[in-house]
Amino acid sequence: MSADGNWKITINTPMGARTMDVSIVTSGDTFTGKVDSEMGAQEVTGKVDGNTLTWNTDITNPMPMKLEFTANVDGDKLSGNCKLGMFGNAALSGERV
């Protein structure tokens, strides 16, 4: 299943739900993309393993931390986890738009 396209992803953080718009272009076992969120716009690169995408981003708002994403694509939906630095894990879900 291809993950190519535009996605609206919601992360259920301890500070409430946070949404982001993500565009993804896969190429073999990697992907490139762009994330637009309340934390700003950022280019990302990640890995593709079957239907699983993994990538990391560094944010500075509301505080500096590394976010580590794992998302499983199932048709036009995805689900997974975001590791929020020292704040643990947050479930994520998304839909292709």
PDB file of N, CA and C in Angstrom:
ATOM      1  N   MET A   1       0.852  -1.176   0.000  1.00  0.00           N
ATOM      2  CA  MET A   1       0.000   0.000   0.000  1.00  0.00           C
ATOM      3  C   MET A   1       0.892   1.232   0.000  1.00  0.00           C
ATOM      4  N   SER A   2       0.636   2.130  -0.907  1.00  0.00           N
ATOM      5  CA  SER A   2       1.424   3.348  -0.993  1.00  0.00           C
ATOM      6  C   SER A   2       0.958   4.382   0.035  1.00  0.00           C
ATOM      7  N   ALA A   3       1.910   5.030   0.647  1.00  0.00           N
ATOM      8  CA  ALA A   3       1.609   6.100   1.602  1.00  0.00           C
ATOM      9  C   ALA A   3       1.650   7.462   0.934  1.00  0.00           C
ATOM     10  N   ASP A   4       1.948   7.485  -0.383  1.00  0.00           N
ATOM     11  CA  ASP A   4       2.048   8.750  -1.096  1.00  0.00           C
ATOM     12  C   ASP A   4       0.762   9.558  -0.984  1.00  0.00           C
ATOM     13  N   GLY A   5       0.925  10.850  -0.797  1.00  0.00           N
ATOM     14  CA  GLY A   5      -0.228  11.736  -0.762  1.00  0.00           C
ATOM     15  C   GLY A   5      -0.196  12.688   0.404  1.00  0.00           C
ATOM     16  N   ASN A   6      -1.339  13.303   0.641  1.00  0.00           N
ATOM     17  CA  ASN A   6      -1.493  14.275   1.714  1.00  0.00           C
ATOM     18  C   ASN A   6      -2.323  13.671   2.835  1.00  0.00           C
ATOM     19  N   TRP A   7      -1.877  13.921   4.061  1.00  0.00           N
ATOM     20  CA  TRP A   7      -2.489  13.330   5.239  1.00  0.00           C
ATOM     21  C   TRP A   7      -2.785  14.396   6.287  1.00  0.00           C
ATOM     22  N   LYS A   8      -3.862  14.233   7.020  1.00  0.00           N
ATOM     23  CA  LYS A   8      -4.134  15.023   8.222  1.00  0.00           C
ATOM     24  C   LYS A   8      -3.957  14.070   9.391  1.00  0.00           C
ATOM     25  N   ILE A   9      -2.984  14.380  10.240  1.00  0.00           N
ATOM     26  CA  ILE A   9      -2.620  13.508  11.353  1.00  0.00           C
ATOM     27  C   ILE A   9      -2.920  14.222  12.669  1.00  0.00           C
ATOM     28  N   THR A  10      -3.494  13.488  13.612  1.00  0.00           N
ATOM     29  CA  THR A  10      -3.769  13.995  14.950  1.00  0.00           C
ATOM     30  C   THR A  10      -2.963  13.200  15.956  1.00  0.00           C
ATOM     31  N   ILE A  11      -2.244  13.921  16.832  1.00  0.00           N
ATOM     32  CA  ILE A  11      -1.482  13.305  17.922  1.00  0.00           C
ATOM     33  C   ILE A  11      -2.195  13.665  19.219  1.00  0.00           C
ATOM     34  N   ASN A  12      -2.530  12.665  20.014  1.00  0.00           N
ATOM     35  CA  ASN A  12      -3.223  12.890  21.281  1.00  0.00           C
ATOM     36  C   ASN A  12      -2.210  13.056  22.402  1.00  0.00           C
ATOM     37  N   THR A  13      -1.704  14.284  22.554  1.00  0.00           N
ATOM     38  CA  THR A  13      -0.654  14.574  23.529  1.00  0.00           C
ATOM     39  C   THR A  13      -1.247  14.833  24.916  1.00  0.00           C
ATOM     40  N   PRO A  14      -0.411  14.835  25.954  1.00  0.00           N
ATOM     41  CA  PRO A  14      -0.902  15.186  27.290  1.00  0.00           C
ATOM     42  C   PRO A  14      -1.461  16.617  27.353  1.00  0.00           C
ATOM     43  N   MET A  15      -1.075  17.467  26.392  1.00  0.00           N
ATOM     44  CA  MET A  15      -1.559  18.847  26.339  1.00  0.00           C
ATOM     45  C   MET A  15      -2.759  18.983  25.401  1.00  0.00           C
ATOM     46  N   GLY A  16      -3.358  17.866  25.012  1.00  0.00           N
ATOM     47  CA  GLY A  16      -4.502  17.887  24.116  1.00  0.00           C
ATOM     48  C   GLY A  16      -4.127  17.441  22.715  1.00  0.00           C
ATOM     49  N   ALA A  17      -5.139  17.333  21.864  1.00  0.00           N
ATOM     50  CA  ALA A  17      -4.931  16.881  20.488  1.00  0.00           C
ATOM     51  C   ALA A  17      -4.202  17.952  19.683  1.00  0.00           C
ATOM     52  N   ARG A  18      -3.212  17.531  18.915  1.00  0.00           N
ATOM     53  CA  ARG A  18      -2.461  18.411  18.024  1.00  0.00           C
ATOM     54  C   ARG A  18      -2.565  17.840  16.619  1.00  0.00           C
ATOM     55  N   THR A  19      -2.861  18.694  15.650  1.00  0.00           N
ATOM     56  CA  THR A  19      -3.004  18.216  14.274  1.00  0.00           C
ATOM     57  C   THR A  19      -1.872  18.746  13.412  1.00  0.00           C
ATOM     58  N   MET A  20      -1.609  18.014  12.343  1.00  0.00           N
ATOM     59  CA  MET A  20      -0.602  18.431  11.371  1.00  0.00           C
ATOM     60  C   MET A  20      -1.009  17.935   9.997  1.00  0.00           C
ATOM     61  N   ASP A  21      -0.651  18.703   8.991  1.00  0.00           N
ATOM     62  CA  ASP A  21      -0.831  18.305   7.598  1.00  0.00           C
ATOM     63  C   ASP A  21       0.511  17.791   7.107  1.00  0.00           C
ATOM     64  N   VAL A  22       0.516  16.598   6.535  1.00  0.00           N
ATOM     65  CA  VAL A  22       1.753  15.957   6.108  1.00  0.00           C
ATOM     66  C   VAL A  22       1.618  15.519   4.656  1.00  0.00           C
ATOM     67  N   SER A  23       2.604  15.877   3.834  1.00  0.00           N
ATOM     68  CA  SER A  23       2.661  15.368   2.464  1.00  0.00           C
ATOM     69  C   SER A  23       3.801  14.362   2.394  1.00  0.00           C
ATOM     70  N   ILE A  24       3.551  13.234   1.716  1.00  0.00           N
ATOM     71  CA  ILE A  24       4.519  12.134   1.670  1.00  0.00           C
ATOM     72  C   ILE A  24       4.736  11.689   0.226  1.00  0.00           C
ATOM     73  N   VAL A  25       6.009  11.509  -0.136  1.00  0.00           N
ATOM     74  CA  VAL A  25       6.390  10.929  -1.425  1.00  0.00           C
ATOM     75  C   VAL A  25       7.377   9.811  -1.131  1.00  0.00           C
ATOM     76  N   THR A  26       6.979   8.563  -1.408  1.00  0.00           N
ATOM     77  CA  THR A  26       7.855   7.426  -1.140  1.00  0.00           C
ATOM     78  C   THR A  26       8.759   7.140  -2.333  1.00  0.00           C
ATOM     79  N   SER A  27       9.899   6.528  -2.042  1.00  0.00           N
ATOM     80  CA  SER A  27      10.840   6.078  -3.062  1.00  0.00           C
ATOM     81  C   SER A  27      11.563   4.868  -2.492  1.00  0.00           C
ATOM     82  N   GLY A  28      11.065   3.678  -2.847  1.00  0.00           N
ATOM     83  CA  GLY A  28      11.668   2.457  -2.306  1.00  0.00           C
ATOM     84  C   GLY A  28      11.452   2.361  -0.812  1.00  0.00           C
ATOM     85  N   ASP A  29      12.551   2.279  -0.053  1.00  0.00           N
ATOM     86  CA  ASP A  29      12.428   2.125   1.396  1.00  0.00           C
ATOM     87  C   ASP A  29      12.610   3.443   2.159  1.00  0.00           C
ATOM     88  N   THR A  30      12.455   4.575   1.452  1.00  0.00           N
ATOM     89  CA  THR A  30      12.536   5.881   2.104  1.00  0.00           C
ATOM     90  C   THR A  30      11.377   6.762   1.644  1.00  0.00           C
ATOM     91  N   PHE A  31      11.176   7.872   2.350  1.00  0.00           N
ATOM     92  CA  PHE A  31      10.218   8.865   1.897  1.00  0.00           C
ATOM     93  C   PHE A  31      10.695  10.258   2.266  1.00  0.00           C
ATOM     94  N   THR A  32      10.201  11.227   1.542  1.00  0.00           N
ATOM     95  CA  THR A  32      10.416  12.634   1.857  1.00  0.00           C
ATOM     96  C   THR A  32       9.049  13.260   2.024  1.00  0.00           C
ATOM     97  N   GLY A  33       9.019  14.367   2.714  1.00  0.00           N
ATOM     98  CA  GLY A  33       7.739  15.022   2.900  1.00  0.00           C
ATOM     99  C   GLY A  33       7.867  16.360   3.572  1.00  0.00           C
ATOM    100  N   LYS A  34       6.711  16.960   3.799  1.00  0.00           N
ATOM    101  CA  LYS A  34       6.639  18.251   4.467  1.00  0.00           C
ATOM    102  C   LYS A  34       5.547  18.182   5.521  1.00  0.00           C
ATOM    103  N   VAL A  35       5.845  18.724   6.703  1.00  0.00           N
ATOM    104  CA  VAL A  35       4.894  18.766   7.805  1.00  0.00           C
ATOM    105  C   VAL A  35       4.552  20.224   8.073  1.00  0.00           C
ATOM    106  N   ASP A  36       3.263  20.533   8.088  1.00  0.00           N
ATOM    107  CA  ASP A  36       2.778  21.861   8.469  1.00  0.00           C
ATOM    108  C   ASP A  36       1.931  21.702   9.722  1.00  0.00           C
ATOM    109  N   SER A  37       2.309  22.426  10.783  1.00  0.00           N
ATOM    110  CA  SER A  37       1.571  22.343  12.039  1.00  0.00           C
ATOM    111  C   SER A  37       1.689  23.660  12.780  1.00  0.00           C
ATOM    112  N   GLU A  38       1.092  23.710  13.961  1.00  0.00           N
ATOM    113  CA  GLU A  38       1.199  24.910  14.788  1.00  0.00           C
ATOM    114  C   GLU A  38       2.640  25.184  15.196  1.00  0.00           C
ATOM    115  N   MET A  39       3.508  24.178  15.052  1.00  0.00           N
ATOM    116  CA  MET A  39       4.920  24.340  15.382  1.00  0.00           C
ATOM    117  C   MET A  39       5.720  24.837  14.189  1.00  0.00           C
ATOM    118  N   GLY A  40       5.043  25.087  13.055  1.00  0.00           N
ATOM    119  CA  GLY A  40       5.705  25.579  11.856  1.00  0.00           C
ATOM    120  C   GLY A  40       5.767  24.527  10.767  1.00  0.00           C
ATOM    121  N   ALA A  41       6.449  24.861   9.692  1.00  0.00           N
ATOM    122  CA  ALA A  41       6.628  23.954   8.552  1.00  0.00           C
ATOM    123  C   ALA A  41       8.024  23.361   8.611  1.00  0.00           C
ATOM    124  N   GLN A  42       8.111  22.087   8.245  1.00  0.00           N
ATOM    125  CA  GLN A  42       9.389  21.392   8.333  1.00  0.00           C
ATOM    126  C   GLN A  42       9.454  20.306   7.264  1.00  0.00           C
ATOM    127  N   GLU A  43      10.594  20.180   6.615  1.00  0.00           N
ATOM    128  CA  GLU A  43      10.848  19.079   5.693  1.00  0.00           C
ATOM    129  C   GLU A  43      11.245  17.861   6.508  1.00  0.00           C
ATOM    130  N   VAL A  44      10.770  16.679   6.099  1.00  0.00           N
ATOM    131  CA  VAL A  44      11.120  15.452   6.815  1.00  0.00           C
ATOM    132  C   VAL A  44      11.576  14.383   5.829  1.00  0.00           C
ATOM    133  N   THR A  45      12.385  13.474   6.323  1.00  0.00           N
ATOM    134  CA  THR A  45      12.748  12.262   5.595  1.00  0.00           C
ATOM    135  C   THR A  45      12.543  11.111   6.556  1.00  0.00           C
ATOM    136  N   GLY A  46      12.186   9.963   6.011  1.00  0.00           N
ATOM    137  CA  GLY A  46      11.933   8.822   6.865  1.00  0.00           C
ATOM    138  C   GLY A  46      12.138   7.515   6.144  1.00  0.00           C
ATOM    139  N   LYS A  47      11.767   6.446   6.825  1.00  0.00           N
ATOM    140  CA  LYS A  47      11.930   5.095   6.293  1.00  0.00           C
ATOM    141  C   LYS A  47      10.573   4.455   6.061  1.00  0.00           C
ATOM    142  N   VAL A  48      10.537   3.582   5.060  1.00  0.00           N
ATOM    143  CA  VAL A  48       9.354   2.799   4.726  1.00  0.00           C
ATOM    144  C   VAL A  48       9.722   1.330   4.888  1.00  0.00           C
ATOM    145  N   ASP A  49       8.921   0.596   5.666  1.00  0.00           N
ATOM    146  CA  ASP A  49       9.121  -0.841   5.840  1.00  0.00           C
ATOM    147  C   ASP A  49       7.757  -1.493   5.696  1.00  0.00           C
ATOM    148  N   GLY A  50       7.431  -1.936   4.489  1.00  0.00           N
ATOM    149  CA  GLY A  50       6.096  -2.464   4.218  1.00  0.00           C
ATOM    150  C   GLY A  50       5.078  -1.349   4.324  1.00  0.00           C
ATOM    151  N   ASN A  51       4.148  -1.484   5.262  1.00  0.00           N
ATOM    152  CA  ASN A  51       3.130  -0.453   5.486  1.00  0.00           C
ATOM    153  C   ASN A  51       3.482   0.475   6.650  1.00  0.00           C
ATOM    154  N   THR A  52       4.713   0.385   7.161  1.00  0.00           N
ATOM    155  CA  THR A  52       5.113   1.178   8.320  1.00  0.00           C
ATOM    156  C   THR A  52       6.059   2.304   7.913  1.00  0.00           C
ATOM    157  N   LEU A  53       5.724   3.505   8.388  1.00  0.00           N
ATOM    158  CA  LEU A  53       6.567   4.677   8.177  1.00  0.00           C
ATOM    159  C   LEU A  53       7.188   5.071   9.508  1.00  0.00           C
ATOM    160  N   THR A  54       8.467   5.460   9.504  1.00  0.00           N
ATOM    161  CA  THR A  54       9.111   5.987  10.705  1.00  0.00           C
ATOM    162  C   THR A  54       9.873   7.249  10.329  1.00  0.00           C
ATOM    163  N   TRP A  55       9.808   8.256  11.211  1.00  0.00           N
ATOM    164  CA  TRP A  55      10.560   9.483  11.008  1.00  0.00           C
ATOM    165  C   TRP A  55      10.692  10.230  12.326  1.00  0.00           C
ATOM    166  N   ASN A  56      11.635  11.153  12.369  1.00  0.00           N
ATOM    167  CA  ASN A  56      11.880  11.975  13.546  1.00  0.00           C
ATOM    168  C   ASN A  56      11.822  13.442  13.150  1.00  0.00           C
ATOM    169  N   THR A  57      11.395  14.276  14.076  1.00  0.00           N
ATOM    170  CA  THR A  57      11.472  15.720  13.895  1.00  0.00           C
ATOM    171  C   THR A  57      11.913  16.339  15.215  1.00  0.00           C
ATOM    172  N   ASP A  58      12.565  17.468  15.113  1.00  0.00           N
ATOM    173  CA  ASP A  58      12.943  18.239  16.288  1.00  0.00           C
ATOM    174  C   ASP A  58      12.056  19.473  16.329  1.00  0.00           C
ATOM    175  N   ILE A  59      11.481  19.744  17.489  1.00  0.00           N
ATOM    176  CA  ILE A  59      10.637  20.921  17.642  1.00  0.00           C
ATOM    177  C   ILE A  59      11.228  21.833  18.711  1.00  0.00           C
ATOM    178  N   THR A  60      10.788  23.085  18.699  1.00  0.00           N
ATOM    179  CA  THR A  60      11.221  24.052  19.714  1.00  0.00           C
ATOM    180  C   THR A  60      10.041  24.642  20.468  1.00  0.00           C
ATOM    181  N   ASN A  61       8.814  24.385  19.990  1.00  0.00           N
ATOM    182  CA  ASN A  61       7.613  24.952  20.596  1.00  0.00           C
ATOM    183  C   ASN A  61       6.656  23.825  20.958  1.00  0.00           C
ATOM    184  N   PRO A  62       6.190  23.638  22.149  1.00  0.00           N
ATOM    185  CA  PRO A  62       6.294  24.567  23.265  1.00  0.00           C
ATOM    186  C   PRO A  62       7.632  24.498  23.999  1.00  0.00           C
ATOM    187  N   MET A  63       8.438  23.489  23.703  1.00  0.00           N
ATOM    188  CA  MET A  63       9.776  23.387  24.272  1.00  0.00           C
ATOM    189  C   MET A  63      10.602  22.497  23.358  1.00  0.00           C
ATOM    190  N   PRO A  64      11.932  22.621  23.393  1.00  0.00           N
ATOM    191  CA  PRO A  64      12.759  21.782  22.524  1.00  0.00           C
ATOM    192  C   PRO A  64      12.627  20.303  22.881  1.00  0.00           C
ATOM    193  N   MET A  65      12.346  19.488  21.870  1.00  0.00           N
ATOM    194  CA  MET A  65      12.339  18.039  22.057  1.00  0.00           C
ATOM    195  C   MET A  65      12.343  17.334  20.699  1.00  0.00           C
ATOM    196  N   LYS A  66      12.739  16.092  20.730  1.00  0.00           N
ATOM    197  CA  LYS A  66      12.735  15.241  19.541  1.00  0.00           C
ATOM    198  C   LYS A  66      11.458  14.415  19.562  1.00  0.00           C
ATOM    199  N   LEU A  67      10.731  14.430  18.445  1.00  0.00           N
ATOM    200  CA  LEU A  67       9.543  13.595  18.286  1.00  0.00           C
ATOM    201  C   LEU A  67       9.908  12.434  17.380  1.00  0.00           C
ATOM    202  N   GLU A  68       9.537  11.221  17.787  1.00  0.00           N
ATOM    203  CA  GLU A  68       9.832  10.014  17.014  1.00  0.00           C
ATOM    204  C   GLU A  68       8.510   9.353  16.629  1.00  0.00           C
ATOM    205  N   PHE A  69       8.239   9.291  15.327  1.00  0.00           N
ATOM    206  CA  PHE A  69       6.962   8.808  14.810  1.00  0.00           C
ATOM    207  C   PHE A  69       7.078   7.397  14.242  1.00  0.00           C
ATOM    208  N   THR A  70       6.055   6.593  14.492  1.00  0.00           N
ATOM    209  CA  THR A  70       5.855   5.306  13.831  1.00  0.00           C
ATOM    210  C   THR A  70       4.392   5.258  13.429  1.00  0.00           C
ATOM    211  N   ALA A  71       4.135   5.067  12.131  1.00  0.00           N
ATOM    212  CA  ALA A  71       2.758   5.047  11.643  1.00  0.00           C
ATOM    213  C   ALA A  71       2.556   3.877  10.695  1.00  0.00           C
ATOM    214  N   ASN A  72       1.448   3.175  10.874  1.00  0.00           N
ATOM    215  CA  ASN A  72       1.088   2.056  10.004  1.00  0.00           C
ATOM    216  C   ASN A  72      -0.031   2.502   9.080  1.00  0.00           C
ATOM    217  N   VAL A  73       0.202   2.370   7.772  1.00  0.00           N
ATOM    218  CA  VAL A  73      -0.765   2.783   6.758  1.00  0.00           C
ATOM    219  C   VAL A  73      -1.676   1.614   6.427  1.00  0.00           C
ATOM    220  N   ASP A  74      -2.985   1.887   6.434  1.00  0.00           N
ATOM    221  CA  ASP A  74      -3.997   0.889   6.070  1.00  0.00           C
ATOM    222  C   ASP A  74      -4.997   1.578   5.152  1.00  0.00           C
ATOM    223  N   GLY A  75      -4.754   1.511   3.850  1.00  0.00           N
ATOM    224  CA  GLY A  75      -5.615   2.196   2.886  1.00  0.00           C
ATOM    225  C   GLY A  75      -5.479   3.695   3.029  1.00  0.00           C
ATOM    226  N   ASP A  76      -6.590   4.367   3.324  1.00  0.00           N
ATOM    227  CA  ASP A  76      -6.589   5.821   3.472  1.00  0.00           C
ATOM    228  C   ASP A  76      -6.549   6.250   4.929  1.00  0.00           C
ATOM    229  N   LYS A  77      -6.142   5.340   5.820  1.00  0.00           N
ATOM    230  CA  LYS A  77      -6.024   5.658   7.241  1.00  0.00           C
ATOM    231  C   LYS A  77      -4.641   5.240   7.726  1.00  0.00           C
ATOM    232  N   LEU A  78      -4.203   5.895   8.776  1.00  0.00           N
ATOM    233  CA  LEU A  78      -2.976   5.456   9.425  1.00  0.00           C
ATOM    234  C   LEU A  78      -3.151   5.581  10.931  1.00  0.00           C
ATOM    235  N   SER A  79      -2.374   4.810  11.648  1.00  0.00           N
ATOM    236  CA  SER A  79      -2.396   4.855  13.114  1.00  0.00           C
ATOM    237  C   SER A  79      -0.999   4.523  13.600  1.00  0.00           C
ATOM    238  N   GLY A  80      -0.712   4.957  14.811  1.00  0.00           N
ATOM    239  CA  GLY A  80       0.609   4.665  15.339  1.00  0.00           C
ATOM    240  C   GLY A  80       0.894   5.381  16.622  1.00  0.00           C
ATOM    241  N   ASN A  81       2.164   5.746  16.787  1.00  0.00           N
ATOM    242  CA  ASN A  81       2.665   6.286  18.035  1.00  0.00           C
ATOM    243  C   ASN A  81       3.653   7.410  17.755  1.00  0.00           C
ATOM    244  N   CYS A  82       3.667   8.383  18.651  1.00  0.00           N
ATOM    245  CA  CYS A  82       4.672   9.437  18.636  1.00  0.00           C
ATOM    246  C   CYS A  82       5.332   9.469  20.006  1.00  0.00           C
ATOM    247  N   LYS A  83       6.644   9.268  20.032  1.00  0.00           N
ATOM    248  CA  LYS A  83       7.391   9.379  21.286  1.00  0.00           C
ATOM    249  C   LYS A  83       7.695  10.852  21.496  1.00  0.00           C
ATOM    250  N   LEU A  84       7.260  11.381  22.631  1.00  0.00           N
ATOM    251  CA  LEU A  84       7.350  12.809  22.932  1.00  0.00           C
ATOM    252  C   LEU A  84       8.521  13.106  23.871  1.00  0.00           C
ATOM    253  N   GLY A  85       9.725  12.772  23.429  1.00  0.00           N
ATOM    254  CA  GLY A  85      10.885  13.015  24.273  1.00  0.00           C
ATOM    255  C   GLY A  85      10.698  12.384  25.643  1.00  0.00           C
ATOM    256  N   MET A  86      10.942  13.166  26.698  1.00  0.00           N
ATOM    257  CA  MET A  86      10.832  12.654  28.063  1.00  0.00           C
ATOM    258  C   MET A  86       9.391  12.575  28.549  1.00  0.00           C
ATOM    259  N   PHE A  87       8.420  12.968  27.704  1.00  0.00           N
ATOM    260  CA  PHE A  87       7.019  12.971  28.113  1.00  0.00           C
ATOM    261  C   PHE A  87       6.269  11.701  27.727  1.00  0.00           C
ATOM    262  N   GLY A  88       6.981  10.680  27.295  1.00  0.00           N
ATOM    263  CA  GLY A  88       6.341   9.411  26.997  1.00  0.00           C
ATOM    264  C   GLY A  88       5.816   9.318  25.590  1.00  0.00           C
ATOM    265  N   ASN A  89       4.735   8.555  25.423  1.00  0.00           N
ATOM    266  CA  ASN A  89       4.195   8.258  24.106  1.00  0.00           C
ATOM    267  C   ASN A  89       2.792   8.831  23.964  1.00  0.00           C
ATOM    268  N   ALA A  90       2.439   9.110  22.705  1.00  0.00           N
ATOM    269  CA  ALA A  90       1.094   9.596  22.385  1.00  0.00           C
ATOM    270  C   ALA A  90       0.598   8.874  21.153  1.00  0.00           C
ATOM    271  N   ALA A  91      -0.646   8.406  21.207  1.00  0.00           N
ATOM    272  CA  ALA A  91      -1.245   7.751  20.049  1.00  0.00           C
ATOM    273  C   ALA A  91      -1.456   8.770  18.934  1.00  0.00           C
ATOM    274  N   LEU A  92      -1.321   8.311  17.704  1.00  0.00           N
ATOM    275  CA  LEU A  92      -1.620   9.174  16.566  1.00  0.00           C
ATOM    276  C   LEU A  92      -2.534   8.436  15.615  1.00  0.00           C
ATOM    277  N   SER A  93      -3.304   9.217  14.868  1.00  0.00           N
ATOM    278  CA  SER A  93      -4.174   8.658  13.833  1.00  0.00           C
ATOM    279  C   SER A  93      -4.236   9.677  12.707  1.00  0.00           C
ATOM    280  N   GLY A  94      -4.596   9.210  11.524  1.00  0.00           N
ATOM    281  CA  GLY A  94      -4.661  10.119  10.397  1.00  0.00           C
ATOM    282  C   GLY A  94      -5.482   9.571   9.267  1.00  0.00           C
ATOM    283  N   GLU A  95      -5.842  10.485   8.363  1.00  0.00           N
ATOM    284  CA  GLU A  95      -6.587  10.136   7.169  1.00  0.00           C
ATOM    285  C   GLU A  95      -5.967  10.831   5.965  1.00  0.00           C
ATOM    286  N   ARG A  96      -6.019  10.135   4.838  1.00  0.00           N
ATOM    287  CA  ARG A  96      -5.556  10.734   3.583  1.00  0.00           C
ATOM    288  C   ARG A  96      -6.588  11.788   3.177  1.00  0.00           C
ATOM    289  N   VAL A  97      -6.104  12.946   2.753  1.00  0.00           N
ATOM    290  CA  VAL A  97      -7.016  14.022   2.341  1.00  0.00           C
ATOM    291  C   VAL A  97      -6.789  14.386   0.885  1.00  0.00           C
TER     292      VAL A  97
END
